[in-house]
Amino acid sequence: MKKGRKTQTHCKEPDWNFLIQCGLPLVLESVTKRRGASDARSMRVRFLKELKNACLYLIDEKDRAGMGRMRDGVKALLCSLKTHYPTTFRLFEAQIGAPINKIFELENISGRDIKLRNISLATLSKRKIL
């Protein structure tokens, strides 16, 4: 080799996302965070929209038989929001335009309600919806 001559290699940058998906222990804020944030945001928006629809539906169908279990499930989600995501709960309550505290008896919590709330909290945190 001649002195003073440097060899340069031109390598193509790898697809970091693909490598991360294959197990590369790396977190790229510019790529992973942005992608995750949009997915999480769309999931959050859809979740709150569907919860609003469920609340309004149960308010309209309050006298219909067979709605008790659905009502208990929605109450559990609302309790989760109220206790662990209070800001989201206040915004949600304002968006609904109905006193959901009173309608779903969120001040009156039983042991069963707490158990259902814990199940909903586990799912909310696992899926990172809020």
N, C-alpha and C. Protein backbone atom coordinates (compact mmCIF):
# COMPACT_ATOMS: atom_id res chain seq x y z
N MET A 1 0.82 -1.18 0.00
CA MET A 1 0.00 0.00 0.00
C MET A 1 0.86 1.24 0.00
N LYS A 2 0.42 2.21 -0.70
CA LYS A 2 1.14 3.47 -0.76
C LYS A 2 0.78 4.30 0.44
N LYS A 3 1.77 5.05 0.94
CA LYS A 3 1.55 5.93 2.07
C LYS A 3 0.76 7.14 1.62
N GLY A 4 -0.09 7.67 2.53
CA GLY A 4 -0.86 8.88 2.26
C GLY A 4 -2.17 8.63 1.55
N ARG A 5 -2.37 7.44 1.10
CA ARG A 5 -3.63 7.13 0.41
C ARG A 5 -4.58 6.43 1.39
N LYS A 6 -5.75 7.00 1.53
CA LYS A 6 -6.74 6.42 2.45
C LYS A 6 -7.83 5.75 1.64
N THR A 7 -8.26 4.63 2.12
CA THR A 7 -9.37 3.96 1.45
C THR A 7 -10.66 4.38 2.15
N GLN A 8 -11.63 4.71 1.38
CA GLN A 8 -12.93 5.09 1.91
C GLN A 8 -13.95 4.04 1.48
N THR A 9 -14.78 3.69 2.43
CA THR A 9 -15.84 2.75 2.10
C THR A 9 -17.15 3.51 2.10
N HIS A 10 -17.99 3.20 1.19
CA HIS A 10 -19.30 3.82 1.10
C HIS A 10 -20.35 2.76 1.42
N CYS A 11 -20.86 2.82 2.62
CA CYS A 11 -21.87 1.86 3.05
C CYS A 11 -23.23 2.52 3.12
N LYS A 12 -24.19 1.76 2.73
CA LYS A 12 -25.56 2.24 2.82
C LYS A 12 -26.01 2.10 4.27
N GLU A 13 -26.71 3.13 4.78
CA GLU A 13 -27.21 3.09 6.14
C GLU A 13 -28.26 1.99 6.27
N PRO A 14 -28.17 1.19 7.32
CA PRO A 14 -29.15 0.10 7.47
C PRO A 14 -30.54 0.61 7.83
N ASP A 15 -31.51 -0.23 7.70
CA ASP A 15 -32.87 0.07 8.10
C ASP A 15 -32.96 -0.18 9.61
N TRP A 16 -32.79 0.88 10.39
CA TRP A 16 -32.74 0.75 11.84
C TRP A 16 -34.05 0.20 12.39
N ASN A 17 -35.16 0.60 11.84
CA ASN A 17 -36.46 0.11 12.31
C ASN A 17 -36.56 -1.40 12.18
N PHE A 18 -36.11 -1.91 11.05
CA PHE A 18 -36.16 -3.35 10.84
C PHE A 18 -35.28 -4.07 11.86
N LEU A 19 -34.11 -3.54 12.11
CA LEU A 19 -33.22 -4.16 13.08
C LEU A 19 -33.79 -4.11 14.49
N ILE A 20 -34.43 -3.01 14.83
CA ILE A 20 -35.06 -2.90 16.15
C ILE A 20 -36.17 -3.93 16.28
N GLN A 21 -36.93 -4.12 15.21
CA GLN A 21 -37.99 -5.12 15.23
C GLN A 21 -37.42 -6.53 15.36
N CYS A 22 -36.20 -6.72 14.89
CA CYS A 22 -35.55 -8.03 14.99
C CYS A 22 -34.84 -8.23 16.32
N GLY A 23 -34.85 -7.23 17.18
CA GLY A 23 -34.29 -7.39 18.51
C GLY A 23 -33.10 -6.51 18.83
N LEU A 24 -32.71 -5.63 17.96
CA LEU A 24 -31.60 -4.72 18.25
C LEU A 24 -31.98 -3.86 19.45
N PRO A 25 -31.19 -3.93 20.52
CA PRO A 25 -31.55 -3.17 21.73
C PRO A 25 -31.21 -1.69 21.58
N LEU A 26 -32.02 -0.99 20.82
CA LEU A 26 -31.76 0.40 20.51
C LEU A 26 -33.09 1.13 20.43
N VAL A 27 -33.12 2.32 20.95
CA VAL A 27 -34.31 3.15 20.84
C VAL A 27 -33.92 4.42 20.11
N LEU A 28 -34.54 4.62 18.98
CA LEU A 28 -34.30 5.83 18.21
C LEU A 28 -35.47 6.75 18.41
N GLU A 29 -35.26 7.85 19.12
CA GLU A 29 -36.35 8.78 19.40
C GLU A 29 -36.94 9.34 18.12
N SER A 30 -36.11 9.66 17.17
CA SER A 30 -36.60 10.30 15.96
C SER A 30 -37.49 9.38 15.14
N VAL A 31 -37.30 8.08 15.25
CA VAL A 31 -38.07 7.14 14.44
C VAL A 31 -39.12 6.44 15.29
N THR A 32 -38.69 5.77 16.32
CA THR A 32 -39.60 4.95 17.11
C THR A 32 -40.63 5.77 17.85
N LYS A 33 -40.21 6.85 18.48
CA LYS A 33 -41.12 7.66 19.28
C LYS A 33 -42.19 8.31 18.41
N ARG A 34 -41.77 8.83 17.26
CA ARG A 34 -42.72 9.49 16.37
C ARG A 34 -43.77 8.49 15.88
N ARG A 35 -43.33 7.32 15.48
CA ARG A 35 -44.25 6.32 14.98
C ARG A 35 -45.17 5.84 16.08
N GLY A 36 -44.63 5.59 17.25
CA GLY A 36 -45.44 5.13 18.38
C GLY A 36 -46.43 6.18 18.82
N ALA A 37 -46.03 7.43 18.79
CA ALA A 37 -46.91 8.51 19.23
C ALA A 37 -48.14 8.62 18.33
N SER A 38 -47.95 8.50 17.03
CA SER A 38 -49.11 8.61 16.15
C SER A 38 -50.05 7.43 16.35
N ASP A 39 -49.50 6.23 16.54
CA ASP A 39 -50.33 5.07 16.79
C ASP A 39 -51.06 5.21 18.12
N ALA A 40 -50.36 5.66 19.14
CA ALA A 40 -50.97 5.83 20.46
C ALA A 40 -52.04 6.91 20.41
N ARG A 41 -51.78 7.98 19.69
CA ARG A 41 -52.75 9.07 19.61
C ARG A 41 -54.02 8.60 18.92
N SER A 42 -53.88 7.90 17.80
CA SER A 42 -55.07 7.43 17.10
C SER A 42 -55.84 6.42 17.95
N MET A 43 -55.11 5.59 18.71
CA MET A 43 -55.76 4.63 19.59
C MET A 43 -56.50 5.36 20.70
N ARG A 44 -55.89 6.39 21.25
CA ARG A 44 -56.52 7.18 22.33
C ARG A 44 -57.78 7.87 21.84
N VAL A 45 -57.69 8.49 20.67
CA VAL A 45 -58.83 9.20 20.10
C VAL A 45 -59.98 8.23 19.84
N ARG A 46 -59.65 7.09 19.26
CA ARG A 46 -60.69 6.10 18.98
C ARG A 46 -61.30 5.55 20.28
N PHE A 47 -60.46 5.29 21.27
CA PHE A 47 -60.94 4.78 22.56
C PHE A 47 -61.93 5.75 23.19
N LEU A 48 -61.56 7.03 23.25
CA LEU A 48 -62.44 8.02 23.86
C LEU A 48 -63.74 8.21 23.07
N LYS A 49 -63.65 8.11 21.76
CA LYS A 49 -64.84 8.22 20.92
C LYS A 49 -65.79 7.06 21.19
N GLU A 50 -65.24 5.85 21.26
CA GLU A 50 -66.07 4.68 21.50
C GLU A 50 -66.64 4.67 22.92
N LEU A 51 -65.86 5.15 23.89
CA LEU A 51 -66.36 5.24 25.26
C LEU A 51 -67.51 6.25 25.35
N LYS A 52 -67.38 7.34 24.63
CA LYS A 52 -68.45 8.34 24.60
C LYS A 52 -69.72 7.74 24.00
N ASN A 53 -69.56 7.01 22.89
CA ASN A 53 -70.71 6.35 22.27
C ASN A 53 -71.37 5.37 23.23
N ALA A 54 -70.55 4.62 23.97
CA ALA A 54 -71.08 3.65 24.93
C ALA A 54 -71.85 4.35 26.04
N CYS A 55 -71.30 5.44 26.56
CA CYS A 55 -71.98 6.18 27.63
C CYS A 55 -73.32 6.72 27.15
N LEU A 56 -73.32 7.34 25.99
CA LEU A 56 -74.57 7.91 25.47
C LEU A 56 -75.59 6.82 25.17
N TYR A 57 -75.12 5.68 24.66
CA TYR A 57 -76.02 4.57 24.38
C TYR A 57 -76.64 4.04 25.68
N LEU A 58 -75.82 3.87 26.71
CA LEU A 58 -76.33 3.36 27.98
C LEU A 58 -77.24 4.36 28.68
N ILE A 59 -77.02 5.64 28.47
CA ILE A 59 -77.91 6.65 29.03
C ILE A 59 -79.28 6.55 28.35
N ASP A 60 -79.28 6.37 27.03
CA ASP A 60 -80.54 6.25 26.28
C ASP A 60 -81.27 4.94 26.59
N GLU A 61 -80.52 3.88 26.81
CA GLU A 61 -81.10 2.55 27.00
C GLU A 61 -81.09 2.12 28.47
N LYS A 62 -81.19 3.06 29.39
CA LYS A 62 -81.05 2.73 30.81
C LYS A 62 -82.13 1.80 31.34
N ASP A 63 -83.30 1.80 30.74
CA ASP A 63 -84.39 0.95 31.22
C ASP A 63 -84.45 -0.41 30.51
N ARG A 64 -83.61 -0.60 29.53
CA ARG A 64 -83.62 -1.85 28.76
C ARG A 64 -82.98 -2.98 29.56
N ALA A 65 -83.58 -4.14 29.53
CA ALA A 65 -83.05 -5.31 30.25
C ALA A 65 -81.76 -5.80 29.59
N GLY A 66 -80.89 -6.35 30.38
CA GLY A 66 -79.65 -6.92 29.86
C GLY A 66 -78.51 -5.92 29.70
N MET A 67 -78.69 -4.71 30.13
CA MET A 67 -77.64 -3.70 30.00
C MET A 67 -76.77 -3.59 31.25
N GLY A 68 -77.07 -4.34 32.28
CA GLY A 68 -76.35 -4.24 33.54
C GLY A 68 -74.86 -4.53 33.43
N ARG A 69 -74.51 -5.59 32.72
CA ARG A 69 -73.09 -5.94 32.58
C ARG A 69 -72.33 -4.91 31.76
N MET A 70 -72.98 -4.42 30.71
CA MET A 70 -72.34 -3.39 29.89
C MET A 70 -72.15 -2.12 30.72
N ARG A 71 -73.15 -1.81 31.49
CA ARG A 71 -73.09 -0.62 32.35
C ARG A 71 -71.96 -0.76 33.38
N ASP A 72 -71.81 -1.96 33.96
CA ASP A 72 -70.75 -2.20 34.93
C ASP A 72 -69.37 -2.06 34.29
N GLY A 73 -69.24 -2.55 33.05
CA GLY A 73 -67.97 -2.44 32.34
C GLY A 73 -67.61 -1.00 32.03
N VAL A 74 -68.59 -0.24 31.59
CA VAL A 74 -68.36 1.18 31.30
C VAL A 74 -68.05 1.93 32.59
N LYS A 75 -68.75 1.58 33.65
CA LYS A 75 -68.49 2.21 34.95
C LYS A 75 -67.05 1.94 35.39
N ALA A 76 -66.56 0.72 35.14
CA ALA A 76 -65.18 0.38 35.49
C ALA A 76 -64.18 1.24 34.70
N LEU A 77 -64.43 1.42 33.41
CA LEU A 77 -63.55 2.28 32.60
C LEU A 77 -63.60 3.72 33.08
N LEU A 78 -64.78 4.19 33.40
CA LEU A 78 -64.92 5.56 33.88
C LEU A 78 -64.21 5.74 35.23
N CYS A 79 -64.31 4.74 36.11
CA CYS A 79 -63.60 4.80 37.39
C CYS A 79 -62.09 4.83 37.17
N SER A 80 -61.62 4.04 36.20
CA SER A 80 -60.20 4.04 35.86
C SER A 80 -59.75 5.42 35.41
N LEU A 81 -60.54 6.02 34.54
CA LEU A 81 -60.20 7.36 34.06
C LEU A 81 -60.22 8.36 35.21
N LYS A 82 -61.24 8.28 36.03
CA LYS A 82 -61.41 9.25 37.10
C LYS A 82 -60.28 9.18 38.13
N THR A 83 -59.86 7.97 38.49
CA THR A 83 -58.84 7.83 39.54
C THR A 83 -57.41 7.93 39.02
N HIS A 84 -57.15 7.44 37.82
CA HIS A 84 -55.77 7.38 37.33
C HIS A 84 -55.45 8.35 36.20
N TYR A 85 -56.47 8.85 35.54
CA TYR A 85 -56.28 9.81 34.45
C TYR A 85 -57.28 10.96 34.64
N PRO A 86 -57.18 11.71 35.74
CA PRO A 86 -58.20 12.72 36.07
C PRO A 86 -58.35 13.83 35.03
N THR A 87 -57.26 14.25 34.42
CA THR A 87 -57.35 15.30 33.41
C THR A 87 -58.15 14.80 32.21
N THR A 88 -57.85 13.60 31.77
CA THR A 88 -58.58 12.99 30.66
C THR A 88 -60.04 12.82 31.02
N PHE A 89 -60.30 12.42 32.27
CA PHE A 89 -61.68 12.24 32.72
C PHE A 89 -62.44 13.56 32.68
N ARG A 90 -61.84 14.63 33.17
CA ARG A 90 -62.52 15.94 33.16
C ARG A 90 -62.82 16.40 31.74
N LEU A 91 -61.87 16.22 30.85
CA LEU A 91 -62.10 16.59 29.44
C LEU A 91 -63.19 15.73 28.83
N PHE A 92 -63.16 14.45 29.15
CA PHE A 92 -64.17 13.52 28.64
C PHE A 92 -65.55 13.88 29.16
N GLU A 93 -65.65 14.19 30.44
CA GLU A 93 -66.92 14.56 31.05
C GLU A 93 -67.48 15.83 30.42
N ALA A 94 -66.61 16.78 30.16
CA ALA A 94 -67.05 18.03 29.51
C ALA A 94 -67.52 17.77 28.08
N GLN A 95 -66.86 16.85 27.41
CA GLN A 95 -67.21 16.53 26.03
C GLN A 95 -68.57 15.83 25.94
N ILE A 96 -68.86 14.99 26.91
CA ILE A 96 -70.14 14.26 26.90
C ILE A 96 -71.29 15.21 27.16
N GLY A 97 -71.11 16.15 28.05
CA GLY A 97 -72.18 17.11 28.33
C GLY A 97 -73.27 16.56 29.23
N ALA A 98 -72.97 15.49 29.93
CA ALA A 98 -73.93 14.90 30.87
C ALA A 98 -73.18 14.61 32.18
N PRO A 99 -73.87 14.66 33.29
CA PRO A 99 -73.21 14.40 34.58
C PRO A 99 -72.95 12.90 34.77
N ILE A 100 -71.88 12.40 34.15
CA ILE A 100 -71.63 10.95 34.19
C ILE A 100 -71.29 10.45 35.60
N ASN A 101 -70.78 11.33 36.46
CA ASN A 101 -70.56 10.94 37.85
C ASN A 101 -71.87 10.46 38.47
N LYS A 102 -72.91 11.21 38.23
CA LYS A 102 -74.22 10.92 38.80
C LYS A 102 -74.91 9.76 38.07
N ILE A 103 -74.87 9.80 36.74
CA ILE A 103 -75.56 8.80 35.94
C ILE A 103 -75.00 7.39 36.17
N PHE A 104 -73.66 7.28 36.23
CA PHE A 104 -73.04 5.97 36.40
C PHE A 104 -72.67 5.69 37.86
N GLU A 105 -73.14 6.53 38.77
CA GLU A 105 -72.94 6.36 40.21
C GLU A 105 -71.47 6.11 40.56
N LEU A 106 -70.60 6.99 40.08
CA LEU A 106 -69.16 6.82 40.31
C LEU A 106 -68.76 7.14 41.75
N GLU A 107 -69.64 7.75 42.50
CA GLU A 107 -69.37 8.01 43.92
C GLU A 107 -69.71 6.79 44.78
N ASN A 108 -70.47 5.87 44.21
CA ASN A 108 -70.94 4.68 44.89
C ASN A 108 -70.19 3.47 44.35
N ILE A 109 -69.05 3.12 44.94
CA ILE A 109 -68.20 2.08 44.40
C ILE A 109 -68.23 0.85 45.33
N SER A 110 -68.49 -0.31 44.73
CA SER A 110 -68.50 -1.56 45.50
C SER A 110 -67.19 -2.32 45.26
N GLY A 111 -67.03 -3.43 45.95
CA GLY A 111 -65.86 -4.27 45.74
C GLY A 111 -65.79 -4.81 44.33
N ARG A 112 -66.93 -5.15 43.77
CA ARG A 112 -67.00 -5.64 42.39
C ARG A 112 -66.55 -4.56 41.41
N ASP A 113 -66.96 -3.33 41.67
CA ASP A 113 -66.55 -2.21 40.82
C ASP A 113 -65.03 -2.03 40.85
N ILE A 114 -64.45 -2.17 42.03
CA ILE A 114 -63.00 -2.04 42.17
C ILE A 114 -62.28 -3.15 41.41
N LYS A 115 -62.81 -4.36 41.50
CA LYS A 115 -62.21 -5.47 40.77
C LYS A 115 -62.26 -5.23 39.27
N LEU A 116 -63.42 -4.80 38.78
CA LEU A 116 -63.55 -4.51 37.34
C LEU A 116 -62.66 -3.33 36.93
N ARG A 117 -62.55 -2.34 37.80
CA ARG A 117 -61.67 -1.19 37.52
C ARG A 117 -60.22 -1.65 37.39
N ASN A 118 -59.79 -2.55 38.26
CA ASN A 118 -58.42 -3.04 38.21
C ASN A 118 -58.15 -3.81 36.91
N ILE A 119 -59.13 -4.55 36.46
CA ILE A 119 -58.98 -5.27 35.18
C ILE A 119 -58.86 -4.27 34.03
N SER A 120 -59.68 -3.24 34.05
CA SER A 120 -59.62 -2.25 32.96
C SER A 120 -58.32 -1.45 33.02
N LEU A 121 -57.84 -1.15 34.23
CA LEU A 121 -56.56 -0.44 34.36
C LEU A 121 -55.40 -1.25 33.80
N ALA A 122 -55.41 -2.55 34.08
CA ALA A 122 -54.34 -3.41 33.56
C ALA A 122 -54.31 -3.38 32.04
N THR A 123 -55.48 -3.43 31.43
CA THR A 123 -55.55 -3.41 29.96
C THR A 123 -55.15 -2.05 29.41
N LEU A 124 -55.61 -0.98 30.04
CA LEU A 124 -55.25 0.37 29.58
C LEU A 124 -53.75 0.59 29.64
N SER A 125 -53.13 0.14 30.72
CA SER A 125 -51.68 0.37 30.86
C SER A 125 -50.89 -0.56 29.96
N LYS A 126 -51.36 -1.78 29.77
CA LYS A 126 -50.64 -2.75 28.91
C LYS A 126 -50.63 -2.27 27.46
N ARG A 127 -51.76 -1.78 27.02
CA ARG A 127 -51.86 -1.33 25.62
C ARG A 127 -51.45 0.11 25.43
N LYS A 128 -51.15 0.79 26.53
CA LYS A 128 -50.68 2.18 26.48
C LYS A 128 -51.62 3.07 25.68
N ILE A 129 -52.90 2.96 26.01
CA ILE A 129 -53.92 3.72 25.29
C ILE A 129 -53.93 5.17 25.72
N LEU A 130 -53.78 5.42 27.02
CA LEU A 130 -53.84 6.80 27.52
C LEU A 130 -52.50 7.28 27.99
